[in-house]
Amino acid sequence: MKKHLQLKINKQRRNNGQYWQYDETSTTNAKKMAEAQEKLNSIEVEGVSGGGMVKVTASAKGDIKRIAIDDSLMKPEEKEITEDLIVAAINDAKQKGEAVSQEEMKSITGGISLPPGMKLPF
């Protein structure tokens, strides 16, 4: 009877140890995820349109930092073209930011890529 009780206690200790190991792993992963999110905020990507006449700089998370417009586009008759080029440059920067974000997340998720549009943390 003592052997059975001892075996049960050992099994319980082992399971508790596995639980704590899992808990430490998830805490470590959460820290890595927070670090990656912070890193993405500091990585800048540049979207370009109109052959470089409009440039948009954004963080990899998609926050617009700067917009640079070539002086030749600052004519009233070029207003509509300029607006279209700004939109195109923003979309270009957004796509580049998502690509960088996916690569950063792959390093955390062990190479498993997330479906397009899915962002972490959930």
PDB file of N, CA and C in Angstrom:
ATOM      1  N   MET A   1       0.820  -1.183   0.000  1.00  0.00           N
ATOM      2  CA  MET A   1       0.000   0.000   0.000  1.00  0.00           C
ATOM      3  C   MET A   1       0.869   1.253   0.000  1.00  0.00           C
ATOM      4  N   LYS A   2       1.950   1.216   0.755  1.00  0.00           N
ATOM      5  CA  LYS A   2       2.832   2.366   0.793  1.00  0.00           C
ATOM      6  C   LYS A   2       3.439   2.634  -0.582  1.00  0.00           C
ATOM      7  N   LYS A   3       3.785   1.552  -1.315  1.00  0.00           N
ATOM      8  CA  LYS A   3       4.357   1.714  -2.641  1.00  0.00           C
ATOM      9  C   LYS A   3       3.378   2.415  -3.576  1.00  0.00           C
ATOM     10  N   HIS A   4       2.123   2.008  -3.505  1.00  0.00           N
ATOM     11  CA  HIS A   4       1.104   2.605  -4.352  1.00  0.00           C
ATOM     12  C   HIS A   4       0.958   4.095  -4.032  1.00  0.00           C
ATOM     13  N   LEU A   5       0.931   4.444  -2.778  1.00  0.00           N
ATOM     14  CA  LEU A   5       0.808   5.830  -2.350  1.00  0.00           C
ATOM     15  C   LEU A   5       2.031   6.635  -2.800  1.00  0.00           C
ATOM     16  N   GLN A   6       3.226   6.047  -2.637  1.00  0.00           N
ATOM     17  CA  GLN A   6       4.456   6.730  -3.039  1.00  0.00           C
ATOM     18  C   GLN A   6       4.469   6.975  -4.554  1.00  0.00           C
ATOM     19  N   LEU A   7       4.035   5.984  -5.321  1.00  0.00           N
ATOM     20  CA  LEU A   7       3.989   6.118  -6.774  1.00  0.00           C
ATOM     21  C   LEU A   7       3.029   7.237  -7.168  1.00  0.00           C
ATOM     22  N   LYS A   8       1.897   7.311  -6.520  1.00  0.00           N
ATOM     23  CA  LYS A   8       0.914   8.338  -6.812  1.00  0.00           C
ATOM     24  C   LYS A   8       1.476   9.735  -6.497  1.00  0.00           C
ATOM     25  N   ILE A   9       2.170   9.869  -5.389  1.00  0.00           N
ATOM     26  CA  ILE A   9       2.776  11.152  -5.009  1.00  0.00           C
ATOM     27  C   ILE A   9       3.840  11.550  -6.029  1.00  0.00           C
ATOM     28  N   ASN A  10       4.684  10.591  -6.434  1.00  0.00           N
ATOM     29  CA  ASN A  10       5.716  10.890  -7.429  1.00  0.00           C
ATOM     30  C   ASN A  10       5.094  11.328  -8.751  1.00  0.00           C
ATOM     31  N   LYS A  11       4.033  10.659  -9.148  1.00  0.00           N
ATOM     32  CA  LYS A  11       3.351  11.003 -10.382  1.00  0.00           C
ATOM     33  C   LYS A  11       2.788  12.425 -10.291  1.00  0.00           C
ATOM     34  N   GLN A  12       2.226  12.756  -9.145  1.00  0.00           N
ATOM     35  CA  GLN A  12       1.659  14.084  -8.948  1.00  0.00           C
ATOM     36  C   GLN A  12       2.766  15.141  -9.000  1.00  0.00           C
ATOM     37  N   ARG A  13       3.879  14.876  -8.389  1.00  0.00           N
ATOM     38  CA  ARG A  13       4.997  15.826  -8.426  1.00  0.00           C
ATOM     39  C   ARG A  13       5.472  16.038  -9.860  1.00  0.00           C
ATOM     40  N   ARG A  14       5.568  14.942 -10.597  1.00  0.00           N
ATOM     41  CA  ARG A  14       6.018  15.042 -11.973  1.00  0.00           C
ATOM     42  C   ARG A  14       5.021  15.889 -12.780  1.00  0.00           C
ATOM     43  N   ASN A  15       3.749  15.649 -12.607  1.00  0.00           N
ATOM     44  CA  ASN A  15       2.741  16.426 -13.326  1.00  0.00           C
ATOM     45  C   ASN A  15       2.797  17.899 -12.934  1.00  0.00           C
ATOM     46  N   ASN A  16       2.989  18.155 -11.655  1.00  0.00           N
ATOM     47  CA  ASN A  16       3.108  19.544 -11.228  1.00  0.00           C
ATOM     48  C   ASN A  16       4.331  20.191 -11.856  1.00  0.00           C
ATOM     49  N   GLY A  17       5.405  19.475 -11.945  1.00  0.00           N
ATOM     50  CA  GLY A  17       6.602  19.994 -12.587  1.00  0.00           C
ATOM     51  C   GLY A  17       6.351  20.319 -14.040  1.00  0.00           C
ATOM     52  N   GLN A  18       5.606  19.463 -14.744  1.00  0.00           N
ATOM     53  CA  GLN A  18       5.277  19.712 -16.143  1.00  0.00           C
ATOM     54  C   GLN A  18       4.381  20.939 -16.263  1.00  0.00           C
ATOM     55  N   TYR A  19       3.471  21.094 -15.330  1.00  0.00           N
ATOM     56  CA  TYR A  19       2.596  22.264 -15.349  1.00  0.00           C
ATOM     57  C   TYR A  19       3.424  23.535 -15.220  1.00  0.00           C
ATOM     58  N   TRP A  20       4.352  23.556 -14.292  1.00  0.00           N
ATOM     59  CA  TRP A  20       5.168  24.751 -14.096  1.00  0.00           C
ATOM     60  C   TRP A  20       6.053  25.002 -15.308  1.00  0.00           C
ATOM     61  N   GLN A  21       6.541  23.926 -15.912  1.00  0.00           N
ATOM     62  CA  GLN A  21       7.359  24.087 -17.106  1.00  0.00           C
ATOM     63  C   GLN A  21       6.520  24.717 -18.225  1.00  0.00           C
ATOM     64  N   TYR A  22       5.302  24.262 -18.377  1.00  0.00           N
ATOM     65  CA  TYR A  22       4.414  24.820 -19.389  1.00  0.00           C
ATOM     66  C   TYR A  22       4.134  26.288 -19.090  1.00  0.00           C
ATOM     67  N   ASP A  23       3.874  26.594 -17.829  1.00  0.00           N
ATOM     68  CA  ASP A  23       3.576  27.959 -17.422  1.00  0.00           C
ATOM     69  C   ASP A  23       4.768  28.877 -17.712  1.00  0.00           C
ATOM     70  N   GLU A  24       5.981  28.407 -17.429  1.00  0.00           N
ATOM     71  CA  GLU A  24       7.176  29.203 -17.710  1.00  0.00           C
ATOM     72  C   GLU A  24       7.338  29.410 -19.208  1.00  0.00           C
ATOM     73  N   THR A  25       7.040  28.369 -19.992  1.00  0.00           N
ATOM     74  CA  THR A  25       7.151  28.471 -21.447  1.00  0.00           C
ATOM     75  C   THR A  25       6.167  29.498 -21.991  1.00  0.00           C
ATOM     76  N   SER A  26       4.931  29.467 -21.511  1.00  0.00           N
ATOM     77  CA  SER A  26       3.942  30.418 -22.011  1.00  0.00           C
ATOM     78  C   SER A  26       4.286  31.835 -21.575  1.00  0.00           C
ATOM     79  N   THR A  27       4.852  32.002 -20.392  1.00  0.00           N
ATOM     80  CA  THR A  27       5.286  33.320 -19.946  1.00  0.00           C
ATOM     81  C   THR A  27       6.426  33.823 -20.817  1.00  0.00           C
ATOM     82  N   THR A  28       7.362  32.938 -21.139  1.00  0.00           N
ATOM     83  CA  THR A  28       8.478  33.300 -22.009  1.00  0.00           C
ATOM     84  C   THR A  28       7.970  33.692 -23.388  1.00  0.00           C
ATOM     85  N   ASN A  29       7.023  32.921 -23.925  1.00  0.00           N
ATOM     86  CA  ASN A  29       6.463  33.235 -25.243  1.00  0.00           C
ATOM     87  C   ASN A  29       5.724  34.573 -25.226  1.00  0.00           C
ATOM     88  N   ALA A  30       5.008  34.855 -24.145  1.00  0.00           N
ATOM     89  CA  ALA A  30       4.306  36.134 -24.031  1.00  0.00           C
ATOM     90  C   ALA A  30       5.306  37.289 -24.007  1.00  0.00           C
ATOM     91  N   LYS A  31       6.423  37.096 -23.323  1.00  0.00           N
ATOM     92  CA  LYS A  31       7.458  38.139 -23.287  1.00  0.00           C
ATOM     93  C   LYS A  31       8.050  38.334 -24.672  1.00  0.00           C
ATOM     94  N   LYS A  32       8.318  37.225 -25.378  1.00  0.00           N
ATOM     95  CA  LYS A  32       8.867  37.317 -26.734  1.00  0.00           C
ATOM     96  C   LYS A  32       7.896  38.046 -27.659  1.00  0.00           C
ATOM     97  N   MET A  33       6.600  37.756 -27.492  1.00  0.00           N
ATOM     98  CA  MET A  33       5.582  38.388 -28.324  1.00  0.00           C
ATOM     99  C   MET A  33       5.542  39.892 -28.056  1.00  0.00           C
ATOM    100  N   ALA A  34       5.601  40.289 -26.794  1.00  0.00           N
ATOM    101  CA  ALA A  34       5.597  41.711 -26.448  1.00  0.00           C
ATOM    102  C   ALA A  34       6.835  42.406 -27.015  1.00  0.00           C
ATOM    103  N   GLU A  35       7.988  41.734 -26.928  1.00  0.00           N
ATOM    104  CA  GLU A  35       9.226  42.302 -27.482  1.00  0.00           C
ATOM    105  C   GLU A  35       9.114  42.459 -28.989  1.00  0.00           C
ATOM    106  N   ALA A  36       8.524  41.474 -29.652  1.00  0.00           N
ATOM    107  CA  ALA A  36       8.376  41.533 -31.112  1.00  0.00           C
ATOM    108  C   ALA A  36       7.448  42.681 -31.504  1.00  0.00           C
ATOM    109  N   GLN A  37       6.354  42.862 -30.761  1.00  0.00           N
ATOM    110  CA  GLN A  37       5.428  43.955 -31.049  1.00  0.00           C
ATOM    111  C   GLN A  37       6.130  45.301 -30.888  1.00  0.00           C
ATOM    112  N   GLU A  38       6.947  45.416 -29.851  1.00  0.00           N
ATOM    113  CA  GLU A  38       7.695  46.649 -29.626  1.00  0.00           C
ATOM    114  C   GLU A  38       8.710  46.867 -30.753  1.00  0.00           C
ATOM    115  N   LYS A  39       9.356  45.787 -31.177  1.00  0.00           N
ATOM    116  CA  LYS A  39      10.340  45.880 -32.260  1.00  0.00           C
ATOM    117  C   LYS A  39       9.657  46.321 -33.548  1.00  0.00           C
ATOM    118  N   LEU A  40       8.472  45.774 -33.826  1.00  0.00           N
ATOM    119  CA  LEU A  40       7.741  46.145 -35.036  1.00  0.00           C
ATOM    120  C   LEU A  40       7.398  47.629 -35.046  1.00  0.00           C
ATOM    121  N   ASN A  41       7.184  48.184 -33.879  1.00  0.00           N
ATOM    122  CA  ASN A  41       6.879  49.605 -33.789  1.00  0.00           C
ATOM    123  C   ASN A  41       8.093  50.450 -34.153  1.00  0.00           C
ATOM    124  N   SER A  42       9.292  49.912 -33.947  1.00  0.00           N
ATOM    125  CA  SER A  42      10.505  50.678 -34.235  1.00  0.00           C
ATOM    126  C   SER A  42      11.053  50.428 -35.649  1.00  0.00           C
ATOM    127  N   ILE A  43      10.594  49.374 -36.309  1.00  0.00           N
ATOM    128  CA  ILE A  43      11.035  49.094 -37.686  1.00  0.00           C
ATOM    129  C   ILE A  43      10.246  49.995 -38.633  1.00  0.00           C
ATOM    130  N   GLU A  44      10.970  50.663 -39.524  1.00  0.00           N
ATOM    131  CA  GLU A  44      10.305  51.533 -40.488  1.00  0.00           C
ATOM    132  C   GLU A  44      10.386  50.935 -41.890  1.00  0.00           C
ATOM    133  N   VAL A  45       9.292  51.071 -42.626  1.00  0.00           N
ATOM    134  CA  VAL A  45       9.238  50.655 -44.024  1.00  0.00           C
ATOM    135  C   VAL A  45       8.839  51.879 -44.840  1.00  0.00           C
ATOM    136  N   GLU A  46       9.226  51.876 -46.111  1.00  0.00           N
ATOM    137  CA  GLU A  46       8.912  53.022 -46.960  1.00  0.00           C
ATOM    138  C   GLU A  46       8.112  52.567 -48.163  1.00  0.00           C
ATOM    139  N   GLY A  47       6.941  53.161 -48.316  1.00  0.00           N
ATOM    140  CA  GLY A  47       6.117  52.917 -49.491  1.00  0.00           C
ATOM    141  C   GLY A  47       6.380  54.016 -50.499  1.00  0.00           C
ATOM    142  N   VAL A  48       6.465  53.640 -51.773  1.00  0.00           N
ATOM    143  CA  VAL A  48       6.826  54.590 -52.826  1.00  0.00           C
ATOM    144  C   VAL A  48       5.824  54.473 -53.967  1.00  0.00           C
ATOM    145  N   SER A  49       5.488  55.620 -54.566  1.00  0.00           N
ATOM    146  CA  SER A  49       4.661  55.607 -55.771  1.00  0.00           C
ATOM    147  C   SER A  49       5.101  56.743 -56.671  1.00  0.00           C
ATOM    148  N   GLY A  50       4.628  56.686 -57.912  1.00  0.00           N
ATOM    149  CA  GLY A  50       4.964  57.736 -58.872  1.00  0.00           C
ATOM    150  C   GLY A  50       6.446  57.814 -59.164  1.00  0.00           C
ATOM    151  N   GLY A  51       7.114  56.657 -59.175  1.00  0.00           N
ATOM    152  CA  GLY A  51       8.544  56.641 -59.465  1.00  0.00           C
ATOM    153  C   GLY A  51       9.368  57.363 -58.407  1.00  0.00           C
ATOM    154  N   GLY A  52       8.884  57.361 -57.182  1.00  0.00           N
ATOM    155  CA  GLY A  52       9.620  57.994 -56.085  1.00  0.00           C
ATOM    156  C   GLY A  52       9.175  59.420 -55.794  1.00  0.00           C
ATOM    157  N   MET A  53       8.141  59.897 -56.500  1.00  0.00           N
ATOM    158  CA  MET A  53       7.686  61.271 -56.263  1.00  0.00           C
ATOM    159  C   MET A  53       6.893  61.395 -54.967  1.00  0.00           C
ATOM    160  N   VAL A  54       6.303  60.291 -54.508  1.00  0.00           N
ATOM    161  CA  VAL A  54       5.616  60.281 -53.216  1.00  0.00           C
ATOM    162  C   VAL A  54       6.162  59.118 -52.412  1.00  0.00           C
ATOM    163  N   LYS A  55       6.581  59.429 -51.184  1.00  0.00           N
ATOM    164  CA  LYS A  55       7.118  58.405 -50.285  1.00  0.00           C
ATOM    165  C   LYS A  55       6.400  58.497 -48.951  1.00  0.00           C
ATOM    166  N   VAL A  56       6.013  57.332 -48.444  1.00  0.00           N
ATOM    167  CA  VAL A  56       5.365  57.263 -47.141  1.00  0.00           C
ATOM    168  C   VAL A  56       6.203  56.346 -46.264  1.00  0.00           C
ATOM    169  N   THR A  57       6.579  56.846 -45.106  1.00  0.00           N
ATOM    170  CA  THR A  57       7.329  56.052 -44.143  1.00  0.00           C
ATOM    171  C   THR A  57       6.368  55.668 -43.026  1.00  0.00           C
ATOM    172  N   ALA A  58       6.347  54.364 -42.711  1.00  0.00           N
ATOM    173  CA  ALA A  58       5.442  53.851 -41.685  1.00  0.00           C
ATOM    174  C   ALA A  58       6.179  52.844 -40.825  1.00  0.00           C
ATOM    175  N   SER A  59       5.624  52.591 -39.643  1.00  0.00           N
ATOM    176  CA  SER A  59       6.167  51.515 -38.815  1.00  0.00           C
ATOM    177  C   SER A  59       5.684  50.196 -39.393  1.00  0.00           C
ATOM    178  N   ALA A  60       6.347  49.102 -39.036  1.00  0.00           N
ATOM    179  CA  ALA A  60       5.921  47.785 -39.520  1.00  0.00           C
ATOM    180  C   ALA A  60       4.532  47.433 -39.001  1.00  0.00           C
ATOM    181  N   LYS A  61       4.071  48.127 -37.974  1.00  0.00           N
ATOM    182  CA  LYS A  61       2.723  47.909 -37.460  1.00  0.00           C
ATOM    183  C   LYS A  61       1.684  48.706 -38.241  1.00  0.00           C
ATOM    184  N   GLY A  62       2.155  49.622 -39.128  1.00  0.00           N
ATOM    185  CA  GLY A  62       1.225  50.351 -39.985  1.00  0.00           C
ATOM    186  C   GLY A  62       0.987  51.802 -39.603  1.00  0.00           C
ATOM    187  N   ASP A  63       1.658  52.303 -38.579  1.00  0.00           N
ATOM    188  CA  ASP A  63       1.493  53.705 -38.194  1.00  0.00           C
ATOM    189  C   ASP A  63       2.292  54.587 -39.155  1.00  0.00           C
ATOM    190  N   ILE A  64       1.627  55.562 -39.777  1.00  0.00           N
ATOM    191  CA  ILE A  64       2.290  56.456 -40.725  1.00  0.00           C
ATOM    192  C   ILE A  64       3.171  57.432 -39.943  1.00  0.00           C
ATOM    193  N   LYS A  65       4.444  57.526 -40.347  1.00  0.00           N
ATOM    194  CA  LYS A  65       5.405  58.396 -39.670  1.00  0.00           C
ATOM    195  C   LYS A  65       5.650  59.685 -40.458  1.00  0.00           C
ATOM    196  N   ARG A  66       5.848  59.547 -41.774  1.00  0.00           N
ATOM    197  CA  ARG A  66       6.168  60.700 -42.616  1.00  0.00           C
ATOM    198  C   ARG A  66       5.592  60.510 -44.017  1.00  0.00           C
ATOM    199  N   ILE A  67       5.332  61.638 -44.663  1.00  0.00           N
ATOM    200  CA  ILE A  67       4.958  61.641 -46.072  1.00  0.00           C
ATOM    201  C   ILE A  67       5.853  62.674 -46.752  1.00  0.00           C
ATOM    202  N   ALA A  68       6.525  62.257 -47.821  1.00  0.00           N
ATOM    203  CA  ALA A  68       7.379  63.167 -48.585  1.00  0.00           C
ATOM    204  C   ALA A  68       6.833  63.260 -50.003  1.00  0.00           C
ATOM    205  N   ILE A  69       6.604  64.493 -50.454  1.00  0.00           N
ATOM    206  CA  ILE A  69       6.048  64.729 -51.790  1.00  0.00           C
ATOM    207  C   ILE A  69       7.038  65.568 -52.583  1.00  0.00           C
ATOM    208  N   ASP A  70       7.374  65.095 -53.778  1.00  0.00           N
ATOM    209  CA  ASP A  70       8.285  65.828 -54.652  1.00  0.00           C
ATOM    210  C   ASP A  70       7.679  67.197 -54.989  1.00  0.00           C
ATOM    211  N   ASP A  71       8.520  68.212 -55.029  1.00  0.00           N
ATOM    212  CA  ASP A  71       8.061  69.586 -55.296  1.00  0.00           C
ATOM    213  C   ASP A  71       7.308  69.716 -56.617  1.00  0.00           C
ATOM    214  N   SER A  72       7.640  68.903 -57.607  1.00  0.00           N
ATOM    215  CA  SER A  72       6.990  69.011 -58.912  1.00  0.00           C
ATOM    216  C   SER A  72       5.499  68.669 -58.850  1.00  0.00           C
ATOM    217  N   LEU A  73       5.071  67.992 -57.801  1.00  0.00           N
ATOM    218  CA  LEU A  73       3.651  67.622 -57.658  1.00  0.00           C
ATOM    219  C   LEU A  73       2.842  68.693 -56.925  1.00  0.00           C
ATOM    220  N   MET A  74       3.475  69.747 -56.491  1.00  0.00           N
ATOM    221  CA  MET A  74       2.796  70.752 -55.689  1.00  0.00           C
ATOM    222  C   MET A  74       2.168  71.843 -56.561  1.00  0.00           C
ATOM    223  N   LYS A  75       1.536  71.436 -57.637  1.00  0.00           N
ATOM    224  CA  LYS A  75       0.838  72.350 -58.530  1.00  0.00           C
ATOM    225  C   LYS A  75      -0.657  72.067 -58.406  1.00  0.00           C
ATOM    226  N   PRO A  76      -1.478  73.097 -58.399  1.00  0.00           N
ATOM    227  CA  PRO A  76      -2.927  72.882 -58.249  1.00  0.00           C
ATOM    228  C   PRO A  76      -3.513  71.906 -59.270  1.00  0.00           C
ATOM    229  N   GLU A  77      -3.010  71.956 -60.509  1.00  0.00           N
ATOM    230  CA  GLU A  77      -3.560  71.067 -61.539  1.00  0.00           C
ATOM    231  C   GLU A  77      -3.138  69.604 -61.338  1.00  0.00           C
ATOM    232  N   GLU A  78      -2.177  69.351 -60.444  1.00  0.00           N
ATOM    233  CA  GLU A  78      -1.696  67.994 -60.148  1.00  0.00           C
ATOM    234  C   GLU A  78      -2.314  67.430 -58.858  1.00  0.00           C
ATOM    235  N   LYS A  79      -3.274  68.158 -58.278  1.00  0.00           N
ATOM    236  CA  LYS A  79      -3.843  67.780 -56.981  1.00  0.00           C
ATOM    237  C   LYS A  79      -4.399  66.349 -56.977  1.00  0.00           C
ATOM    238  N   GLU A  80      -5.216  65.998 -57.936  1.00  0.00           N
ATOM    239  CA  GLU A  80      -5.851  64.671 -57.965  1.00  0.00           C
ATOM    240  C   GLU A  80      -4.809  63.564 -58.133  1.00  0.00           C
ATOM    241  N   ILE A  81      -3.840  63.791 -58.992  1.00  0.00           N
ATOM    242  CA  ILE A  81      -2.773  62.806 -59.192  1.00  0.00           C
ATOM    243  C   ILE A  81      -1.984  62.632 -57.897  1.00  0.00           C
ATOM    244  N   THR A  82      -1.690  63.763 -57.235  1.00  0.00           N
ATOM    245  CA  THR A  82      -0.943  63.720 -55.973  1.00  0.00           C
ATOM    246  C   THR A  82      -1.701  62.911 -54.925  1.00  0.00           C
ATOM    247  N   GLU A  83      -3.000  63.130 -54.815  1.00  0.00           N
ATOM    248  CA  GLU A  83      -3.805  62.389 -53.839  1.00  0.00           C
ATOM    249  C   GLU A  83      -3.780  60.893 -54.138  1.00  0.00           C
ATOM    250  N   ASP A  84      -3.890  60.527 -55.405  1.00  0.00           N
ATOM    251  CA  ASP A  84      -3.845  59.114 -55.797  1.00  0.00           C
ATOM    252  C   ASP A  84      -2.485  58.489 -55.470  1.00  0.00           C
ATOM    253  N   LEU A  85      -1.422  59.258 -55.717  1.00  0.00           N
ATOM    254  CA  LEU A  85      -0.081  58.754 -55.427  1.00  0.00           C
ATOM    255  C   LEU A  85       0.143  58.576 -53.931  1.00  0.00           C
ATOM    256  N   ILE A  86      -0.426  59.457 -53.125  1.00  0.00           N
ATOM    257  CA  ILE A  86      -0.308  59.316 -51.660  1.00  0.00           C
ATOM    258  C   ILE A  86      -0.987  58.030 -51.204  1.00  0.00           C
ATOM    259  N   VAL A  87      -2.184  57.787 -51.714  1.00  0.00           N
ATOM    260  CA  VAL A  87      -2.898  56.554 -51.355  1.00  0.00           C
ATOM    261  C   VAL A  87      -2.087  55.329 -51.771  1.00  0.00           C
ATOM    262  N   ALA A  88      -1.523  55.370 -52.978  1.00  0.00           N
ATOM    263  CA  ALA A  88      -0.730  54.231 -53.461  1.00  0.00           C
ATOM    264  C   ALA A  88       0.507  54.013 -52.593  1.00  0.00           C
ATOM    265  N   ALA A  89       1.165  55.083 -52.193  1.00  0.00           N
ATOM    266  CA  ALA A  89       2.356  54.962 -51.351  1.00  0.00           C
ATOM    267  C   ALA A  89       2.003  54.430 -49.964  1.00  0.00           C
ATOM    268  N   ILE A  90       0.879  54.863 -49.416  1.00  0.00           N
ATOM    269  CA  ILE A  90       0.439  54.360 -48.106  1.00  0.00           C
ATOM    270  C   ILE A  90       0.165  52.863 -48.196  1.00  0.00           C
ATOM    271  N   ASN A  91      -0.528  52.449 -49.256  1.00  0.00           N
ATOM    272  CA  ASN A  91      -0.814  51.018 -49.414  1.00  0.00           C
ATOM    273  C   ASN A  91       0.463  50.210 -49.604  1.00  0.00           C
ATOM    274  N   ASP A  92       1.425  50.761 -50.318  1.00  0.00           N
ATOM    275  CA  ASP A  92       2.711  50.096 -50.515  1.00  0.00           C
ATOM    276  C   ASP A  92       3.430  49.927 -49.168  1.00  0.00           C
ATOM    277  N   ALA A  93       3.434  50.994 -48.366  1.00  0.00           N
ATOM    278  CA  ALA A  93       4.071  50.925 -47.047  1.00  0.00           C
ATOM    279  C   ALA A  93       3.359  49.905 -46.160  1.00  0.00           C
ATOM    280  N   LYS A  94       2.040  49.870 -46.236  1.00  0.00           N
ATOM    281  CA  LYS A  94       1.266  48.919 -45.432  1.00  0.00           C
ATOM    282  C   LYS A  94       1.616  47.476 -45.793  1.00  0.00           C
ATOM    283  N   GLN A  95       1.693  47.179 -47.089  1.00  0.00           N
ATOM    284  CA  GLN A  95       2.039  45.825 -47.526  1.00  0.00           C
ATOM    285  C   GLN A  95       3.438  45.433 -47.071  1.00  0.00           C
ATOM    286  N   LYS A  96       4.371  46.357 -47.175  1.00  0.00           N
ATOM    287  CA  LYS A  96       5.736  46.077 -46.728  1.00  0.00           C
ATOM    288  C   LYS A  96       5.782  45.861 -45.220  1.00  0.00           C
ATOM    289  N   GLY A  97       5.007  46.646 -44.472  1.00  0.00           N
ATOM    290  CA  GLY A  97       4.945  46.483 -43.022  1.00  0.00           C
ATOM    291  C   GLY A  97       4.376  45.138 -42.625  1.00  0.00           C
ATOM    292  N   GLU A  98       3.341  44.705 -43.335  1.00  0.00           N
ATOM    293  CA  GLU A  98       2.757  43.389 -43.053  1.00  0.00           C
ATOM    294  C   GLU A  98       3.752  42.273 -43.347  1.00  0.00           C
ATOM    295  N   ALA A  99       4.541  42.424 -44.405  1.00  0.00           N
ATOM    296  CA  ALA A  99       5.545  41.407 -44.742  1.00  0.00           C
ATOM    297  C   ALA A  99       6.606  41.319 -43.652  1.00  0.00           C
ATOM    298  N   VAL A 100       7.072  42.471 -43.176  1.00  0.00           N
ATOM    299  CA  VAL A 100       8.068  42.487 -42.096  1.00  0.00           C
ATOM    300  C   VAL A 100       7.463  41.892 -40.829  1.00  0.00           C
ATOM    301  N   SER A 101       6.217  42.242 -40.548  1.00  0.00           N
ATOM    302  CA  SER A 101       5.532  41.725 -39.367  1.00  0.00           C
ATOM    303  C   SER A 101       5.414  40.208 -39.415  1.00  0.00           C
ATOM    304  N   GLN A 102       5.060  39.663 -40.580  1.00  0.00           N
ATOM    305  CA  GLN A 102       4.947  38.214 -40.732  1.00  0.00           C
ATOM    306  C   GLN A 102       6.292  37.529 -40.482  1.00  0.00           C
ATOM    307  N   GLU A 103       7.377  38.124 -40.989  1.00  0.00           N
ATOM    308  CA  GLU A 103       8.710  37.550 -40.783  1.00  0.00           C
ATOM    309  C   GLU A 103       9.089  37.571 -39.307  1.00  0.00           C
ATOM    310  N   GLU A 104       8.783  38.662 -38.623  1.00  0.00           N
ATOM    311  CA  GLU A 104       9.087  38.754 -37.191  1.00  0.00           C
ATOM    312  C   GLU A 104       8.289  37.714 -36.408  1.00  0.00           C
ATOM    313  N   MET A 105       7.037  37.531 -36.762  1.00  0.00           N
ATOM    314  CA  MET A 105       6.192  36.577 -36.049  1.00  0.00           C
ATOM    315  C   MET A 105       6.647  35.144 -36.318  1.00  0.00           C
ATOM    316  N   LYS A 106       7.165  34.884 -37.514  1.00  0.00           N
ATOM    317  CA  LYS A 106       7.682  33.539 -37.827  1.00  0.00           C
ATOM    318  C   LYS A 106       8.812  33.174 -36.878  1.00  0.00           C
ATOM    319  N   SER A 107       9.653  34.159 -36.552  1.00  0.00           N
ATOM    320  CA  SER A 107      10.776  33.871 -35.657  1.00  0.00           C
ATOM    321  C   SER A 107      10.275  33.506 -34.263  1.00  0.00           C
ATOM    322  N   ILE A 108       9.134  34.009 -33.885  1.00  0.00           N
ATOM    323  CA  ILE A 108       8.577  33.694 -32.562  1.00  0.00           C
ATOM    324  C   ILE A 108       7.775  32.400 -32.590  1.00  0.00           C
ATOM    325  N   THR A 109       7.054  32.170 -33.676  1.00  0.00           N
ATOM    326  CA  THR A 109       6.185  30.998 -33.758  1.00  0.00           C
ATOM    327  C   THR A 109       6.904  29.778 -34.291  1.00  0.00           C
ATOM    328  N   GLY A 110       8.217  29.839 -34.392  1.00  0.00           N
ATOM    329  CA  GLY A 110       8.992  28.687 -34.836  1.00  0.00           C
ATOM    330  C   GLY A 110       8.853  28.399 -36.315  1.00  0.00           C
ATOM    331  N   GLY A 111       8.662  29.428 -37.118  1.00  0.00           N
ATOM    332  CA  GLY A 111       8.591  29.249 -38.563  1.00  0.00           C
ATOM    333  C   GLY A 111       7.191  29.048 -39.102  1.00  0.00           C
ATOM    334  N   ILE A 112       6.218  28.949 -38.224  1.00  0.00           N
ATOM    335  CA  ILE A 112       4.837  28.790 -38.675  1.00  0.00           C
ATOM    336  C   ILE A 112       4.317  30.174 -39.010  1.00  0.00           C
ATOM    337  N   SER A 113       3.917  30.370 -40.260  1.00  0.00           N
ATOM    338  CA  SER A 113       3.425  31.693 -40.635  1.00  0.00           C
ATOM    339  C   SER A 113       1.948  31.804 -40.283  1.00  0.00           C
ATOM    340  N   LEU A 114       1.550  33.024 -39.961  1.00  0.00           N
ATOM    341  CA  LEU A 114       0.154  33.288 -39.634  1.00  0.00           C
ATOM    342  C   LEU A 114      -0.617  33.528 -40.921  1.00  0.00           C
ATOM    343  N   PRO A 115      -1.907  33.248 -40.915  1.00  0.00           N
ATOM    344  CA  PRO A 115      -2.704  33.544 -42.105  1.00  0.00           C
ATOM    345  C   PRO A 115      -2.670  35.042 -42.400  1.00  0.00           C
ATOM    346  N   PRO A 116      -2.767  35.443 -43.658  1.00  0.00           N
ATOM    347  CA  PRO A 116      -2.736  36.864 -44.009  1.00  0.00           C
ATOM    348  C   PRO A 116      -3.794  37.648 -43.242  1.00  0.00           C
ATOM    349  N   GLY A 117      -3.392  38.790 -42.740  1.00  0.00           N
ATOM    350  CA  GLY A 117      -4.324  39.647 -41.998  1.00  0.00           C
ATOM    351  C   GLY A 117      -4.396  39.343 -40.524  1.00  0.00           C
ATOM    352  N   MET A 118      -3.937  38.164 -40.089  1.00  0.00           N
ATOM    353  CA  MET A 118      -3.990  37.818 -38.678  1.00  0.00           C
ATOM    354  C   MET A 118      -2.813  38.459 -37.975  1.00  0.00           C
ATOM    355  N   LYS A 119      -3.094  39.132 -36.876  1.00  0.00           N
ATOM    356  CA  LYS A 119      -2.049  39.814 -36.136  1.00  0.00           C
ATOM    357  C   LYS A 119      -2.050  39.311 -34.712  1.00  0.00           C
ATOM    358  N   LEU A 120      -0.875  39.318 -34.127  1.00  0.00           N
ATOM    359  CA  LEU A 120      -0.747  38.924 -32.739  1.00  0.00           C
ATOM    360  C   LEU A 120      -0.374  40.129 -31.914  1.00  0.00           C
ATOM    361  N   PRO A 121      -0.698  40.195 -30.653  1.00  0.00           N
ATOM    362  CA  PRO A 121      -1.537  39.241 -29.951  1.00  0.00           C
ATOM    363  C   PRO A 121      -2.978  39.358 -30.417  1.00  0.00           C
ATOM    364  N   PHE A 122      -3.707  38.253 -30.246  1.00  0.00           N
ATOM    365  CA  PHE A 122      -5.072  38.152 -30.760  1.00  0.00           C
ATOM    366  C   PHE A 122      -5.934  39.153 -30.111  1.00  0.00           C
TER     367      PHE A 122
END
